[in-house]
Amino acid sequence: MSTGEVGVQGDGLVSLADKMRGSAGEVNKQVAVVDTDMVGSADTGFAYEAQGNAIHAALTGVQQWLKDWSEAVQLTGDALGETVVTMTTVDQENSEKTQQAAS
């Protein structure tokens, strides 16, 4: 059985959570970039309609992937932020209980 202590750097987790939220926003901005550069059958011409449709479908898939990735990173950042608040609250409560028991 381990008797070691586990340490958590709350400031580090808050910083990571903030960076993840910022990263999610940057990834989400790329959805609009893909939308601006969307290609379809009208862009490739009549003889290449199938290829244009395939390109459009692929770019639509990229957009969805970017949206999903952005959401996942945002939710992870939010969860980290909530974890820091929870750990801080629990740590403070435990500290108060320890001090009360000692007095």
PDB file of N, CA and C in Angstrom:
ATOM      1  N   MET A   1       0.841  -1.177   0.000  1.00  0.00           N
ATOM      2  CA  MET A   1       0.000   0.000   0.000  1.00  0.00           C
ATOM      3  C   MET A   1       0.887   1.242   0.000  1.00  0.00           C
ATOM      4  N   SER A   2       0.547   2.167  -0.830  1.00  0.00           N
ATOM      5  CA  SER A   2       1.340   3.387  -0.956  1.00  0.00           C
ATOM      6  C   SER A   2       0.972   4.374   0.140  1.00  0.00           C
ATOM      7  N   THR A   3       1.981   5.021   0.675  1.00  0.00           N
ATOM      8  CA  THR A   3       1.739   6.055   1.682  1.00  0.00           C
ATOM      9  C   THR A   3       2.144   7.420   1.155  1.00  0.00           C
ATOM     10  N   GLY A   4       2.490   7.497  -0.128  1.00  0.00           N
ATOM     11  CA  GLY A   4       2.903   8.770  -0.721  1.00  0.00           C
ATOM     12  C   GLY A   4       1.733   9.723  -0.856  1.00  0.00           C
ATOM     13  N   GLU A   5       2.060  10.985  -0.922  1.00  0.00           N
ATOM     14  CA  GLU A   5       1.030  12.004  -1.074  1.00  0.00           C
ATOM     15  C   GLU A   5       0.887  12.371  -2.540  1.00  0.00           C
ATOM     16  N   VAL A   6      -0.281  12.789  -2.888  1.00  0.00           N
ATOM     17  CA  VAL A   6      -0.546  13.264  -4.242  1.00  0.00           C
ATOM     18  C   VAL A   6      -0.678  14.772  -4.172  1.00  0.00           C
ATOM     19  N   GLY A   7       0.103  15.455  -4.973  1.00  0.00           N
ATOM     20  CA  GLY A   7       0.037  16.912  -4.999  1.00  0.00           C
ATOM     21  C   GLY A   7      -0.570  17.388  -6.308  1.00  0.00           C
ATOM     22  N   VAL A   8      -1.348  18.415  -6.233  1.00  0.00           N
ATOM     23  CA  VAL A   8      -1.973  19.002  -7.414  1.00  0.00           C
ATOM     24  C   VAL A   8      -1.656  20.481  -7.423  1.00  0.00           C
ATOM     25  N   GLN A   9      -1.194  20.948  -8.558  1.00  0.00           N
ATOM     26  CA  GLN A   9      -0.926  22.373  -8.700  1.00  0.00           C
ATOM     27  C   GLN A   9      -2.155  23.022  -9.330  1.00  0.00           C
ATOM     28  N   GLY A  10      -2.979  23.599  -8.486  1.00  0.00           N
ATOM     29  CA  GLY A  10      -4.222  24.209  -8.943  1.00  0.00           C
ATOM     30  C   GLY A  10      -4.011  25.281  -9.992  1.00  0.00           C
ATOM     31  N   ASP A  11      -2.997  26.130  -9.787  1.00  0.00           N
ATOM     32  CA  ASP A  11      -2.725  27.192 -10.758  1.00  0.00           C
ATOM     33  C   ASP A  11      -2.374  26.607 -12.119  1.00  0.00           C
ATOM     34  N   GLY A  12      -1.633  25.518 -12.110  1.00  0.00           N
ATOM     35  CA  GLY A  12      -1.263  24.861 -13.361  1.00  0.00           C
ATOM     36  C   GLY A  12      -2.473  24.302 -14.091  1.00  0.00           C
ATOM     37  N   LEU A  13      -3.401  23.720 -13.334  1.00  0.00           N
ATOM     38  CA  LEU A  13      -4.619  23.195 -13.950  1.00  0.00           C
ATOM     39  C   LEU A  13      -5.499  24.312 -14.492  1.00  0.00           C
ATOM     40  N   VAL A  14      -5.577  25.411 -13.765  1.00  0.00           N
ATOM     41  CA  VAL A  14      -6.358  26.557 -14.244  1.00  0.00           C
ATOM     42  C   VAL A  14      -5.751  27.085 -15.538  1.00  0.00           C
ATOM     43  N   SER A  15      -4.434  27.189 -15.573  1.00  0.00           N
ATOM     44  CA  SER A  15      -3.743  27.658 -16.774  1.00  0.00           C
ATOM     45  C   SER A  15      -4.000  26.715 -17.947  1.00  0.00           C
ATOM     46  N   LEU A  16      -3.900  25.422 -17.706  1.00  0.00           N
ATOM     47  CA  LEU A  16      -4.156  24.440 -18.754  1.00  0.00           C
ATOM     48  C   LEU A  16      -5.596  24.538 -19.248  1.00  0.00           C
ATOM     49  N   ALA A  17      -6.539  24.654 -18.329  1.00  0.00           N
ATOM     50  CA  ALA A  17      -7.949  24.772 -18.708  1.00  0.00           C
ATOM     51  C   ALA A  17      -8.173  26.004 -19.578  1.00  0.00           C
ATOM     52  N   ASP A  18      -7.580  27.125 -19.202  1.00  0.00           N
ATOM     53  CA  ASP A  18      -7.718  28.351 -19.990  1.00  0.00           C
ATOM     54  C   ASP A  18      -7.111  28.189 -21.379  1.00  0.00           C
ATOM     55  N   LYS A  19      -5.943  27.556 -21.443  1.00  0.00           N
ATOM     56  CA  LYS A  19      -5.294  27.341 -22.746  1.00  0.00           C
ATOM     57  C   LYS A  19      -6.125  26.408 -23.621  1.00  0.00           C
ATOM     58  N   MET A  20      -6.727  25.412 -23.013  1.00  0.00           N
ATOM     59  CA  MET A  20      -7.565  24.495 -23.785  1.00  0.00           C
ATOM     60  C   MET A  20      -8.791  25.216 -24.330  1.00  0.00           C
ATOM     61  N   ARG A  21      -9.395  26.066 -23.515  1.00  0.00           N
ATOM     62  CA  ARG A  21     -10.552  26.836 -23.991  1.00  0.00           C
ATOM     63  C   ARG A  21     -10.155  27.747 -25.150  1.00  0.00           C
ATOM     64  N   GLY A  22      -9.000  28.391 -25.018  1.00  0.00           N
ATOM     65  CA  GLY A  22      -8.510  29.252 -26.096  1.00  0.00           C
ATOM     66  C   GLY A  22      -8.229  28.461 -27.360  1.00  0.00           C
ATOM     67  N   SER A  23      -7.642  27.290 -27.199  1.00  0.00           N
ATOM     68  CA  SER A  23      -7.353  26.423 -28.338  1.00  0.00           C
ATOM     69  C   SER A  23      -8.643  25.988 -29.029  1.00  0.00           C
ATOM     70  N   ALA A  24      -9.649  25.678 -28.238  1.00  0.00           N
ATOM     71  CA  ALA A  24     -10.942  25.281 -28.805  1.00  0.00           C
ATOM     72  C   ALA A  24     -11.520  26.400 -29.662  1.00  0.00           C
ATOM     73  N   GLY A  25     -11.389  27.623 -29.189  1.00  0.00           N
ATOM     74  CA  GLY A  25     -11.876  28.766 -29.956  1.00  0.00           C
ATOM     75  C   GLY A  25     -11.138  28.927 -31.273  1.00  0.00           C
ATOM     76  N   GLU A  26      -9.822  28.715 -31.242  1.00  0.00           N
ATOM     77  CA  GLU A  26      -9.021  28.830 -32.470  1.00  0.00           C
ATOM     78  C   GLU A  26      -9.396  27.737 -33.473  1.00  0.00           C
ATOM     79  N   VAL A  27      -9.584  26.524 -32.985  1.00  0.00           N
ATOM     80  CA  VAL A  27      -9.989  25.432 -33.875  1.00  0.00           C
ATOM     81  C   VAL A  27     -11.359  25.743 -34.470  1.00  0.00           C
ATOM     82  N   ASN A  28     -12.260  26.256 -33.657  1.00  0.00           N
ATOM     83  CA  ASN A  28     -13.604  26.566 -34.129  1.00  0.00           C
ATOM     84  C   ASN A  28     -13.587  27.651 -35.211  1.00  0.00           C
ATOM     85  N   LYS A  29     -12.646  28.568 -35.138  1.00  0.00           N
ATOM     86  CA  LYS A  29     -12.533  29.609 -36.175  1.00  0.00           C
ATOM     87  C   LYS A  29     -12.245  28.998 -37.543  1.00  0.00           C
ATOM     88  N   GLN A  30     -11.577  27.863 -37.556  1.00  0.00           N
ATOM     89  CA  GLN A  30     -11.219  27.228 -38.826  1.00  0.00           C
ATOM     90  C   GLN A  30     -12.430  26.649 -39.550  1.00  0.00           C
ATOM     91  N   VAL A  31     -13.524  26.432 -38.830  1.00  0.00           N
ATOM     92  CA  VAL A  31     -14.754  25.958 -39.464  1.00  0.00           C
ATOM     93  C   VAL A  31     -15.206  26.982 -40.502  1.00  0.00           C
ATOM     94  N   ALA A  32     -15.153  28.258 -40.143  1.00  0.00           N
ATOM     95  CA  ALA A  32     -15.547  29.320 -41.072  1.00  0.00           C
ATOM     96  C   ALA A  32     -14.587  29.406 -42.251  1.00  0.00           C
ATOM     97  N   VAL A  33     -13.307  29.156 -42.005  1.00  0.00           N
ATOM     98  CA  VAL A  33     -12.318  29.187 -43.090  1.00  0.00           C
ATOM     99  C   VAL A  33     -12.638  28.098 -44.111  1.00  0.00           C
ATOM    100  N   VAL A  34     -12.949  26.904 -43.631  1.00  0.00           N
ATOM    101  CA  VAL A  34     -13.307  25.813 -44.541  1.00  0.00           C
ATOM    102  C   VAL A  34     -14.578  26.177 -45.296  1.00  0.00           C
ATOM    103  N   ASP A  35     -15.545  26.777 -44.621  1.00  0.00           N
ATOM    104  CA  ASP A  35     -16.799  27.166 -45.256  1.00  0.00           C
ATOM    105  C   ASP A  35     -16.554  28.179 -46.371  1.00  0.00           C
ATOM    106  N   THR A  36     -15.650  29.118 -46.130  1.00  0.00           N
ATOM    107  CA  THR A  36     -15.322  30.139 -47.125  1.00  0.00           C
ATOM    108  C   THR A  36     -14.689  29.508 -48.364  1.00  0.00           C
ATOM    109  N   ASP A  37     -13.916  28.461 -48.168  1.00  0.00           N
ATOM    110  CA  ASP A  37     -13.200  27.817 -49.272  1.00  0.00           C
ATOM    111  C   ASP A  37     -13.894  26.545 -49.763  1.00  0.00           C
ATOM    112  N   MET A  38     -15.182  26.431 -49.515  1.00  0.00           N
ATOM    113  CA  MET A  38     -15.934  25.236 -49.899  1.00  0.00           C
ATOM    114  C   MET A  38     -15.936  25.086 -51.426  1.00  0.00           C
ATOM    115  N   VAL A  39     -15.777  23.872 -51.884  1.00  0.00           N
ATOM    116  CA  VAL A  39     -15.778  23.555 -53.311  1.00  0.00           C
ATOM    117  C   VAL A  39     -16.895  22.552 -53.552  1.00  0.00           C
ATOM    118  N   GLY A  40     -17.574  22.711 -54.658  1.00  0.00           N
ATOM    119  CA  GLY A  40     -18.635  21.783 -55.011  1.00  0.00           C
ATOM    120  C   GLY A  40     -18.657  21.540 -56.502  1.00  0.00           C
ATOM    121  N   SER A  41     -19.689  20.854 -56.966  1.00  0.00           N
ATOM    122  CA  SER A  41     -19.770  20.511 -58.387  1.00  0.00           C
ATOM    123  C   SER A  41     -19.851  21.750 -59.270  1.00  0.00           C
ATOM    124  N   ALA A  42     -20.432  22.816 -58.795  1.00  0.00           N
ATOM    125  CA  ALA A  42     -20.513  24.053 -59.581  1.00  0.00           C
ATOM    126  C   ALA A  42     -19.127  24.645 -59.826  1.00  0.00           C
ATOM    127  N   ASP A  43     -18.200  24.365 -58.933  1.00  0.00           N
ATOM    128  CA  ASP A  43     -16.838  24.894 -59.078  1.00  0.00           C
ATOM    129  C   ASP A  43     -15.966  24.032 -59.988  1.00  0.00           C
ATOM    130  N   THR A  44     -16.303  22.773 -60.120  1.00  0.00           N
ATOM    131  CA  THR A  44     -15.447  21.875 -60.900  1.00  0.00           C
ATOM    132  C   THR A  44     -15.916  21.701 -62.331  1.00  0.00           C
ATOM    133  N   GLY A  45     -17.121  22.116 -62.614  1.00  0.00           N
ATOM    134  CA  GLY A  45     -17.631  22.004 -63.978  1.00  0.00           C
ATOM    135  C   GLY A  45     -18.425  20.731 -64.200  1.00  0.00           C
ATOM    136  N   PHE A  46     -19.213  20.761 -65.279  1.00  0.00           N
ATOM    137  CA  PHE A  46     -20.134  19.667 -65.577  1.00  0.00           C
ATOM    138  C   PHE A  46     -19.422  18.322 -65.724  1.00  0.00           C
ATOM    139  N   ALA A  47     -18.296  18.320 -66.386  1.00  0.00           N
ATOM    140  CA  ALA A  47     -17.589  17.063 -66.652  1.00  0.00           C
ATOM    141  C   ALA A  47     -17.002  16.451 -65.381  1.00  0.00           C
ATOM    142  N   TYR A  48     -16.895  17.239 -64.338  1.00  0.00           N
ATOM    143  CA  TYR A  48     -16.278  16.768 -63.086  1.00  0.00           C
ATOM    144  C   TYR A  48     -17.235  16.894 -61.893  1.00  0.00           C
ATOM    145  N   GLU A  49     -18.514  16.731 -62.185  1.00  0.00           N
ATOM    146  CA  GLU A  49     -19.523  16.880 -61.131  1.00  0.00           C
ATOM    147  C   GLU A  49     -19.295  15.896 -59.978  1.00  0.00           C
ATOM    148  N   ALA A  50     -18.999  14.659 -60.297  1.00  0.00           N
ATOM    149  CA  ALA A  50     -18.788  13.643 -59.250  1.00  0.00           C
ATOM    150  C   ALA A  50     -17.593  14.006 -58.373  1.00  0.00           C
ATOM    151  N   GLN A  51     -16.530  14.481 -59.005  1.00  0.00           N
ATOM    152  CA  GLN A  51     -15.347  14.872 -58.243  1.00  0.00           C
ATOM    153  C   GLN A  51     -15.643  16.091 -57.369  1.00  0.00           C
ATOM    154  N   GLY A  52     -16.390  17.039 -57.907  1.00  0.00           N
ATOM    155  CA  GLY A  52     -16.775  18.221 -57.126  1.00  0.00           C
ATOM    156  C   GLY A  52     -17.621  17.846 -55.924  1.00  0.00           C
ATOM    157  N   ASN A  53     -18.545  16.915 -56.135  1.00  0.00           N
ATOM    158  CA  ASN A  53     -19.373  16.451 -55.020  1.00  0.00           C
ATOM    159  C   ASN A  53     -18.532  15.732 -53.968  1.00  0.00           C
ATOM    160  N   ALA A  54     -17.551  14.959 -54.426  1.00  0.00           N
ATOM    161  CA  ALA A  54     -16.669  14.249 -53.489  1.00  0.00           C
ATOM    162  C   ALA A  54     -15.831  15.237 -52.679  1.00  0.00           C
ATOM    163  N   ILE A  55     -15.329  16.271 -53.345  1.00  0.00           N
ATOM    164  CA  ILE A  55     -14.552  17.301 -52.635  1.00  0.00           C
ATOM    165  C   ILE A  55     -15.433  18.006 -51.617  1.00  0.00           C
ATOM    166  N   HIS A  56     -16.647  18.343 -52.023  1.00  0.00           N
ATOM    167  CA  HIS A  56     -17.580  19.015 -51.112  1.00  0.00           C
ATOM    168  C   HIS A  56     -17.872  18.138 -49.890  1.00  0.00           C
ATOM    169  N   ALA A  57     -18.119  16.859 -50.140  1.00  0.00           N
ATOM    170  CA  ALA A  57     -18.402  15.933 -49.029  1.00  0.00           C
ATOM    171  C   ALA A  57     -17.202  15.834 -48.089  1.00  0.00           C
ATOM    172  N   ALA A  58     -16.005  15.791 -48.652  1.00  0.00           N
ATOM    173  CA  ALA A  58     -14.800  15.707 -47.815  1.00  0.00           C
ATOM    174  C   ALA A  58     -14.630  16.970 -46.978  1.00  0.00           C
ATOM    175  N   LEU A  59     -14.848  18.129 -47.583  1.00  0.00           N
ATOM    176  CA  LEU A  59     -14.711  19.387 -46.835  1.00  0.00           C
ATOM    177  C   LEU A  59     -15.793  19.517 -45.765  1.00  0.00           C
ATOM    178  N   THR A  60     -16.980  19.024 -46.058  1.00  0.00           N
ATOM    179  CA  THR A  60     -18.039  19.015 -45.042  1.00  0.00           C
ATOM    180  C   THR A  60     -17.630  18.122 -43.872  1.00  0.00           C
ATOM    181  N   GLY A  61     -16.986  17.001 -44.180  1.00  0.00           N
ATOM    182  CA  GLY A  61     -16.467  16.122 -43.127  1.00  0.00           C
ATOM    183  C   GLY A  61     -15.397  16.799 -42.294  1.00  0.00           C
ATOM    184  N   VAL A  62     -14.525  17.559 -42.949  1.00  0.00           N
ATOM    185  CA  VAL A  62     -13.486  18.307 -42.226  1.00  0.00           C
ATOM    186  C   VAL A  62     -14.134  19.326 -41.296  1.00  0.00           C
ATOM    187  N   GLN A  63     -15.155  20.018 -41.789  1.00  0.00           N
ATOM    188  CA  GLN A  63     -15.863  20.986 -40.939  1.00  0.00           C
ATOM    189  C   GLN A  63     -16.423  20.310 -39.697  1.00  0.00           C
ATOM    190  N   GLN A  64     -17.067  19.178 -39.882  1.00  0.00           N
ATOM    191  CA  GLN A  64     -17.663  18.481 -38.737  1.00  0.00           C
ATOM    192  C   GLN A  64     -16.592  18.019 -37.766  1.00  0.00           C
ATOM    193  N   TRP A  65     -15.480  17.523 -38.298  1.00  0.00           N
ATOM    194  CA  TRP A  65     -14.383  17.086 -37.440  1.00  0.00           C
ATOM    195  C   TRP A  65     -13.864  18.259 -36.613  1.00  0.00           C
ATOM    196  N   LEU A  66     -13.692  19.420 -37.251  1.00  0.00           N
ATOM    197  CA  LEU A  66     -13.216  20.606 -36.527  1.00  0.00           C
ATOM    198  C   LEU A  66     -14.210  21.024 -35.443  1.00  0.00           C
ATOM    199  N   LYS A  67     -15.499  20.979 -35.763  1.00  0.00           N
ATOM    200  CA  LYS A  67     -16.523  21.318 -34.761  1.00  0.00           C
ATOM    201  C   LYS A  67     -16.456  20.351 -33.577  1.00  0.00           C
ATOM    202  N   ASP A  68     -16.367  19.059 -33.895  1.00  0.00           N
ATOM    203  CA  ASP A  68     -16.318  18.047 -32.831  1.00  0.00           C
ATOM    204  C   ASP A  68     -15.065  18.203 -31.973  1.00  0.00           C
ATOM    205  N   TRP A  69     -13.930  18.423 -32.622  1.00  0.00           N
ATOM    206  CA  TRP A  69     -12.667  18.585 -31.895  1.00  0.00           C
ATOM    207  C   TRP A  69     -12.741  19.818 -30.999  1.00  0.00           C
ATOM    208  N   SER A  70     -13.251  20.913 -31.543  1.00  0.00           N
ATOM    209  CA  SER A  70     -13.371  22.146 -30.766  1.00  0.00           C
ATOM    210  C   SER A  70     -14.247  21.933 -29.535  1.00  0.00           C
ATOM    211  N   GLU A  71     -15.371  21.257 -29.735  1.00  0.00           N
ATOM    212  CA  GLU A  71     -16.279  21.001 -28.614  1.00  0.00           C
ATOM    213  C   GLU A  71     -15.621  20.106 -27.563  1.00  0.00           C
ATOM    214  N   ALA A  72     -14.913  19.077 -28.009  1.00  0.00           N
ATOM    215  CA  ALA A  72     -14.254  18.160 -27.068  1.00  0.00           C
ATOM    216  C   ALA A  72     -13.198  18.883 -26.240  1.00  0.00           C
ATOM    217  N   VAL A  73     -12.403  19.726 -26.892  1.00  0.00           N
ATOM    218  CA  VAL A  73     -11.359  20.463 -26.172  1.00  0.00           C
ATOM    219  C   VAL A  73     -11.994  21.468 -25.211  1.00  0.00           C
ATOM    220  N   GLN A  74     -13.064  22.136 -25.648  1.00  0.00           N
ATOM    221  CA  GLN A  74     -13.770  23.093 -24.787  1.00  0.00           C
ATOM    222  C   GLN A  74     -14.318  22.390 -23.543  1.00  0.00           C
ATOM    223  N   LEU A  75     -14.975  21.256 -23.745  1.00  0.00           N
ATOM    224  CA  LEU A  75     -15.554  20.522 -22.613  1.00  0.00           C
ATOM    225  C   LEU A  75     -14.473  19.998 -21.666  1.00  0.00           C
ATOM    226  N   THR A  76     -13.342  19.585 -22.221  1.00  0.00           N
ATOM    227  CA  THR A  76     -12.233  19.123 -21.381  1.00  0.00           C
ATOM    228  C   THR A  76     -11.691  20.273 -20.546  1.00  0.00           C
ATOM    229  N   GLY A  77     -11.521  21.437 -21.175  1.00  0.00           N
ATOM    230  CA  GLY A  77     -11.068  22.622 -20.440  1.00  0.00           C
ATOM    231  C   GLY A  77     -12.045  23.004 -19.342  1.00  0.00           C
ATOM    232  N   ASP A  78     -13.339  22.952 -19.659  1.00  0.00           N
ATOM    233  CA  ASP A  78     -14.358  23.264 -18.650  1.00  0.00           C
ATOM    234  C   ASP A  78     -14.296  22.277 -17.487  1.00  0.00           C
ATOM    235  N   ALA A  79     -14.138  20.989 -17.809  1.00  0.00           N
ATOM    236  CA  ALA A  79     -14.076  19.966 -16.755  1.00  0.00           C
ATOM    237  C   ALA A  79     -12.853  20.171 -15.867  1.00  0.00           C
ATOM    238  N   LEU A  80     -11.718  20.516 -16.472  1.00  0.00           N
ATOM    239  CA  LEU A  80     -10.523  20.793 -15.666  1.00  0.00           C
ATOM    240  C   LEU A  80     -10.761  21.972 -14.740  1.00  0.00           C
ATOM    241  N   GLY A  81     -11.366  23.016 -15.264  1.00  0.00           N
ATOM    242  CA  GLY A  81     -11.653  24.191 -14.438  1.00  0.00           C
ATOM    243  C   GLY A  81     -12.562  23.855 -13.269  1.00  0.00           C
ATOM    244  N   GLU A  82     -13.583  23.041 -13.526  1.00  0.00           N
ATOM    245  CA  GLU A  82     -14.505  22.639 -12.461  1.00  0.00           C
ATOM    246  C   GLU A  82     -13.796  21.763 -11.432  1.00  0.00           C
ATOM    247  N   THR A  83     -12.893  20.921 -11.894  1.00  0.00           N
ATOM    248  CA  THR A  83     -12.144  20.040 -10.996  1.00  0.00           C
ATOM    249  C   THR A  83     -11.301  20.842 -10.023  1.00  0.00           C
ATOM    250  N   VAL A  84     -10.675  21.906 -10.518  1.00  0.00           N
ATOM    251  CA  VAL A  84      -9.854  22.752  -9.647  1.00  0.00           C
ATOM    252  C   VAL A  84     -10.717  23.368  -8.560  1.00  0.00           C
ATOM    253  N   VAL A  85     -11.888  23.871  -8.928  1.00  0.00           N
ATOM    254  CA  VAL A  85     -12.785  24.475  -7.935  1.00  0.00           C
ATOM    255  C   VAL A  85     -13.203  23.433  -6.910  1.00  0.00           C
ATOM    256  N   THR A  86     -13.567  22.247  -7.364  1.00  0.00           N
ATOM    257  CA  THR A  86     -13.995  21.178  -6.458  1.00  0.00           C
ATOM    258  C   THR A  86     -12.868  20.769  -5.520  1.00  0.00           C
ATOM    259  N   MET A  87     -11.671  20.569  -6.079  1.00  0.00           N
ATOM    260  CA  MET A  87     -10.539  20.154  -5.237  1.00  0.00           C
ATOM    261  C   MET A  87     -10.188  21.233  -4.226  1.00  0.00           C
ATOM    262  N   THR A  88     -10.240  22.490  -4.640  1.00  0.00           N
ATOM    263  CA  THR A  88      -9.926  23.588  -3.734  1.00  0.00           C
ATOM    264  C   THR A  88     -10.931  23.638  -2.598  1.00  0.00           C
ATOM    265  N   THR A  89     -12.211  23.476  -2.928  1.00  0.00           N
ATOM    266  CA  THR A  89     -13.261  23.505  -1.908  1.00  0.00           C
ATOM    267  C   THR A  89     -13.102  22.344  -0.933  1.00  0.00           C
ATOM    268  N   VAL A  90     -12.883  21.147  -1.457  1.00  0.00           N
ATOM    269  CA  VAL A  90     -12.720  19.964  -0.602  1.00  0.00           C
ATOM    270  C   VAL A  90     -11.479  20.112   0.266  1.00  0.00           C
ATOM    271  N   ASP A  91     -10.389  20.591  -0.317  1.00  0.00           N
ATOM    272  CA  ASP A  91      -9.152  20.776   0.438  1.00  0.00           C
ATOM    273  C   ASP A  91      -9.360  21.777   1.569  1.00  0.00           C
ATOM    274  N   GLN A  92     -10.067  22.861   1.284  1.00  0.00           N
ATOM    275  CA  GLN A  92     -10.318  23.874   2.315  1.00  0.00           C
ATOM    276  C   GLN A  92     -11.203  23.300   3.419  1.00  0.00           C
ATOM    277  N   GLU A  93     -12.224  22.546   3.041  1.00  0.00           N
ATOM    278  CA  GLU A  93     -13.106  21.937   4.038  1.00  0.00           C
ATOM    279  C   GLU A  93     -12.336  20.943   4.912  1.00  0.00           C
ATOM    280  N   ASN A  94     -11.504  20.136   4.290  1.00  0.00           N
ATOM    281  CA  ASN A  94     -10.707  19.169   5.061  1.00  0.00           C
ATOM    282  C   ASN A  94      -9.738  19.875   5.999  1.00  0.00           C
ATOM    283  N   SER A  95      -9.162  20.965   5.544  1.00  0.00           N
ATOM    284  CA  SER A  95      -8.241  21.735   6.380  1.00  0.00           C
ATOM    285  C   SER A  95      -8.967  22.290   7.604  1.00  0.00           C
ATOM    286  N   GLU A  96     -10.169  22.812   7.381  1.00  0.00           N
ATOM    287  CA  GLU A  96     -10.951  23.361   8.499  1.00  0.00           C
ATOM    288  C   GLU A  96     -11.311  22.263   9.500  1.00  0.00           C
ATOM    289  N   LYS A  97     -11.691  21.088   9.004  1.00  0.00           N
ATOM    290  CA  LYS A  97     -12.033  19.974   9.890  1.00  0.00           C
ATOM    291  C   LYS A  97     -10.819  19.530  10.704  1.00  0.00           C
ATOM    292  N   THR A  98      -9.660  19.504  10.055  1.00  0.00           N
ATOM    293  CA  THR A  98      -8.432  19.107  10.749  1.00  0.00           C
ATOM    294  C   THR A  98      -8.096  20.102  11.846  1.00  0.00           C
ATOM    295  N   GLN A  99      -8.244  21.386  11.553  1.00  0.00           N
ATOM    296  CA  GLN A  99      -7.947  22.415  12.551  1.00  0.00           C
ATOM    297  C   GLN A  99      -8.939  22.351  13.706  1.00  0.00           C
ATOM    298  N   GLN A 100     -10.206  22.077  13.401  1.00  0.00           N
ATOM    299  CA  GLN A 100     -11.208  21.957  14.464  1.00  0.00           C
ATOM    300  C   GLN A 100     -10.905  20.749  15.348  1.00  0.00           C
ATOM    301  N   ALA A 101     -10.511  19.662  14.740  1.00  0.00           N
ATOM    302  CA  ALA A 101     -10.209  18.449  15.508  1.00  0.00           C
ATOM    303  C   ALA A 101      -8.975  18.643  16.382  1.00  0.00           C
ATOM    304  N   ALA A 102      -8.046  19.454  15.913  1.00  0.00           N
ATOM    305  CA  ALA A 102      -6.811  19.685  16.668  1.00  0.00           C
ATOM    306  C   ALA A 102      -7.033  20.619  17.848  1.00  0.00           C
ATOM    307  N   SER A 103      -8.095  21.420  17.804  1.00  0.00           N
ATOM    308  CA  SER A 103      -8.289  22.377  18.906  1.00  0.00           C
ATOM    309  C   SER A 103      -9.147  21.845  20.010  1.00  0.00           C
TER     310      SER A 103
END
